[in-house]
Amino acid sequence: MARVWRGVVRTRAGLIRYNMRMEQTLILIKPDAIQKRLTGIILSRFEALGLEIAAAKVVRASEELLREHYANLKGTPFVDGVVKFMMGDYNNLPDHRIYAFVLRGENAVSRVRAALGATNPEKAEPWTLRGQFGCIKDGVMQNAVHASGTPQEAEREIALWFKPEEVLP
């Protein structure tokens, strides 16, 4: 009989394996990381985790798309600033460019979140992507990458940014 504890399975034979599940997650390379030319470094970190790219594209982010993406922030005092930041207004990216990716692999959501670190780059561990490349500049939190927080959130966000036929099965 196998015993499960926090994702770890111990079998009668004493073997330990992780209870993994295949997931997809959305990541968005934000304007601050694009301006700093960090895309290759960011993607290599995710590939080093064994995650695969299932979809990729350059998106001209509209205000409408960004407000729908950040619907959970509706009514907060900082939602307008987040939308302006994501449109590149703080980083002189006039074409509103964002790089969107779907990554997939075992426990992709939690593994990507761990690699990113805390949302606030000043609170992120120094070895995480946000700890290394994020900052707060002129009162604006610039944290390099967005990633889905849960598998359910990932499903909703992937549907916003990609058509089904754009994501490899």
Protein backbone atom coordinates (compact mmCIF):
# COMPACT_ATOMS: atom_id res chain seq x y z
CA MET A 1 0.00 0.00 0.00
CA ALA A 2 1.33 3.43 -0.93
CA ARG A 3 1.18 6.30 1.54
CA VAL A 4 0.88 9.88 0.25
CA TRP A 5 2.13 12.88 2.17
CA ARG A 6 2.33 16.37 0.59
CA GLY A 7 2.89 15.07 -2.91
CA VAL A 8 5.39 12.38 -1.89
CA VAL A 9 4.44 8.75 -2.33
CA ARG A 10 6.16 6.07 -0.22
CA THR A 11 5.53 2.51 -1.39
CA ARG A 12 5.91 -0.75 0.56
CA ALA A 13 9.23 -1.28 -1.15
CA GLY A 14 10.42 1.97 0.40
CA LEU A 15 10.60 3.79 -2.92
CA ILE A 16 9.88 7.47 -2.81
CA ARG A 17 8.49 9.32 -5.78
CA TYR A 18 6.76 12.62 -6.18
CA ASN A 19 3.09 12.67 -7.04
CA MET A 20 3.42 14.81 -10.17
CA ARG A 21 0.73 16.02 -12.52
CA MET A 22 1.12 17.47 -15.97
CA GLU A 23 0.07 21.11 -16.09
CA GLN A 24 0.22 24.11 -18.36
CA THR A 25 0.87 27.64 -17.18
CA LEU A 26 0.94 31.06 -18.81
CA ILE A 27 3.96 33.28 -18.51
CA LEU A 28 4.17 36.82 -19.81
CA ILE A 29 7.54 38.48 -20.25
CA LYS A 30 6.79 42.02 -19.11
CA PRO A 31 8.03 45.29 -20.67
CA ASP A 32 10.80 45.82 -18.10
CA ALA A 33 12.36 42.44 -18.93
CA ILE A 34 11.92 43.05 -22.68
CA GLN A 35 13.65 46.42 -22.37
CA LYS A 36 16.53 44.81 -20.43
CA ARG A 37 16.75 41.97 -23.00
CA LEU A 38 16.23 39.23 -20.40
CA THR A 39 13.93 36.93 -22.39
CA GLY A 40 16.59 34.32 -23.18
CA ILE A 41 17.76 34.13 -19.57
CA ILE A 42 14.19 33.79 -18.31
CA LEU A 43 13.30 31.05 -20.77
CA SER A 44 16.51 29.14 -20.10
CA ARG A 45 15.63 29.03 -16.38
CA PHE A 46 12.27 27.47 -17.17
CA GLU A 47 13.78 25.01 -19.62
CA ALA A 48 16.34 24.03 -16.96
CA LEU A 49 13.36 23.00 -14.80
CA GLY A 50 12.42 20.54 -17.53
CA LEU A 51 9.44 22.55 -18.73
CA GLU A 52 8.54 22.66 -22.42
CA ILE A 53 7.24 25.56 -24.47
CA ALA A 54 3.81 24.60 -25.80
CA ALA A 55 3.01 28.01 -27.33
CA ALA A 56 4.78 31.31 -27.90
CA LYS A 57 3.97 34.64 -29.50
CA VAL A 58 4.60 38.34 -29.44
CA VAL A 59 1.41 40.15 -28.46
CA ARG A 60 0.47 43.77 -28.90
CA ALA A 61 -1.35 44.06 -25.59
CA SER A 62 -4.48 46.17 -25.68
CA GLU A 63 -5.90 47.90 -22.66
CA GLU A 64 -9.02 45.74 -23.00
CA LEU A 65 -7.01 42.48 -22.93
CA LEU A 66 -4.95 43.62 -19.95
CA ARG A 67 -8.00 44.72 -17.96
CA GLU A 68 -9.63 41.35 -18.63
CA HIS A 69 -6.41 39.56 -17.64
CA TYR A 70 -6.16 41.55 -14.40
CA ALA A 71 -9.91 41.41 -13.65
CA ASN A 72 -9.06 40.29 -10.11
CA LEU A 73 -7.56 43.76 -9.52
CA LYS A 74 -10.69 45.63 -10.64
CA GLY A 75 -11.56 48.35 -8.16
CA THR A 76 -8.11 48.49 -6.59
CA PRO A 77 -6.21 51.78 -6.56
CA PHE A 78 -3.29 50.35 -8.54
CA VAL A 79 -5.03 48.58 -11.46
CA ASP A 80 -4.55 51.58 -13.78
CA GLY A 81 -0.83 51.63 -13.02
CA VAL A 82 -0.52 47.90 -13.69
CA VAL A 83 -2.24 48.30 -17.07
CA LYS A 84 -0.02 51.27 -17.99
CA PHE A 85 3.08 49.32 -16.96
CA MET A 86 2.04 46.24 -18.96
CA MET A 87 1.42 48.44 -22.01
CA GLY A 88 5.04 49.59 -21.81
CA ASP A 89 4.24 53.17 -20.84
CA TYR A 90 6.93 53.15 -18.10
CA ASN A 91 9.56 51.45 -20.25
CA ASN A 92 9.28 53.34 -23.53
CA LEU A 93 7.92 50.39 -25.50
CA PRO A 94 5.57 52.22 -27.88
CA ASP A 95 4.24 49.07 -29.57
CA HIS A 96 2.75 47.62 -26.32
CA ARG A 97 4.74 44.40 -26.85
CA ILE A 98 4.54 41.46 -24.46
CA TYR A 99 5.98 37.99 -25.01
CA ALA A 100 3.42 35.31 -24.12
CA PHE A 101 4.28 31.66 -23.53
CA VAL A 102 2.50 28.52 -22.45
CA LEU A 103 4.83 26.23 -20.54
CA ARG A 104 3.97 22.66 -19.69
CA GLY A 105 5.39 19.98 -17.50
CA GLU A 106 4.99 18.24 -14.19
CA ASN A 107 3.62 20.67 -11.58
CA ALA A 108 4.42 23.53 -13.95
CA VAL A 109 2.44 26.17 -12.05
CA SER A 110 4.15 25.73 -8.70
CA ARG A 111 7.60 25.19 -10.23
CA VAL A 112 7.37 28.39 -12.28
CA ARG A 113 6.11 30.36 -9.27
CA ALA A 114 9.02 29.09 -7.16
CA ALA A 115 11.53 30.11 -9.84
CA LEU A 116 9.99 33.59 -10.04
CA GLY A 117 9.97 34.38 -6.34
CA ALA A 118 7.75 36.84 -4.50
CA THR A 119 5.66 39.29 -6.53
CA ASN A 120 7.41 42.21 -4.85
CA PRO A 121 11.02 42.04 -6.11
CA GLU A 122 12.30 43.63 -2.89
CA LYS A 123 10.90 40.64 -0.97
CA ALA A 124 11.97 37.98 -3.47
CA GLU A 125 14.89 35.71 -2.66
CA PRO A 126 18.02 36.87 -4.51
CA TRP A 127 18.38 33.67 -6.56
CA THR A 128 14.86 33.95 -8.05
CA LEU A 129 14.12 35.71 -11.33
CA ARG A 130 12.31 38.58 -9.62
CA GLY A 131 15.00 38.82 -6.96
CA GLN A 132 17.67 39.15 -9.64
CA PHE A 133 15.91 41.21 -12.27
CA GLY A 134 12.97 42.98 -10.63
CA CYS A 135 12.96 46.40 -9.00
CA ILE A 136 10.72 49.20 -7.86
CA LYS A 137 11.41 52.21 -10.03
CA ASP A 138 9.71 55.55 -9.51
CA GLY A 139 7.12 53.83 -7.30
CA VAL A 140 6.28 51.23 -9.97
CA MET A 141 6.87 47.56 -9.23
CA GLN A 142 8.67 46.06 -12.21
CA ASN A 143 8.89 42.31 -11.64
CA ALA A 144 9.86 40.98 -15.09
CA VAL A 145 7.40 38.08 -15.51
CA HIS A 146 3.77 37.24 -14.88
CA ALA A 147 2.90 33.61 -14.17
CA SER A 148 -0.40 31.94 -13.40
CA GLY A 149 -1.00 31.36 -9.70
CA THR A 150 -3.09 28.18 -9.90
CA PRO A 151 -3.91 25.56 -12.56
CA GLN A 152 -7.44 27.03 -12.80
CA GLU A 153 -6.04 30.54 -13.27
CA ALA A 154 -3.66 29.18 -15.91
CA GLU A 155 -6.56 27.70 -17.87
CA ARG A 156 -8.43 31.03 -17.85
CA GLU A 157 -5.34 33.07 -18.75
CA ILE A 158 -4.19 30.75 -21.54
CA ALA A 159 -7.66 31.05 -23.10
CA LEU A 160 -7.35 34.86 -22.99
CA TRP A 161 -3.95 35.02 -24.67
CA PHE A 162 -4.03 32.03 -27.06
CA LYS A 163 -6.48 30.38 -29.42
CA PRO A 164 -6.75 26.61 -28.80
CA GLU A 165 -5.02 25.79 -32.09
CA GLU A 166 -2.00 27.91 -31.09
CA VAL A 167 -1.14 25.63 -28.16
CA LEU A 168 0.54 22.31 -28.93
CA PRO A 169 -1.27 19.29 -27.50
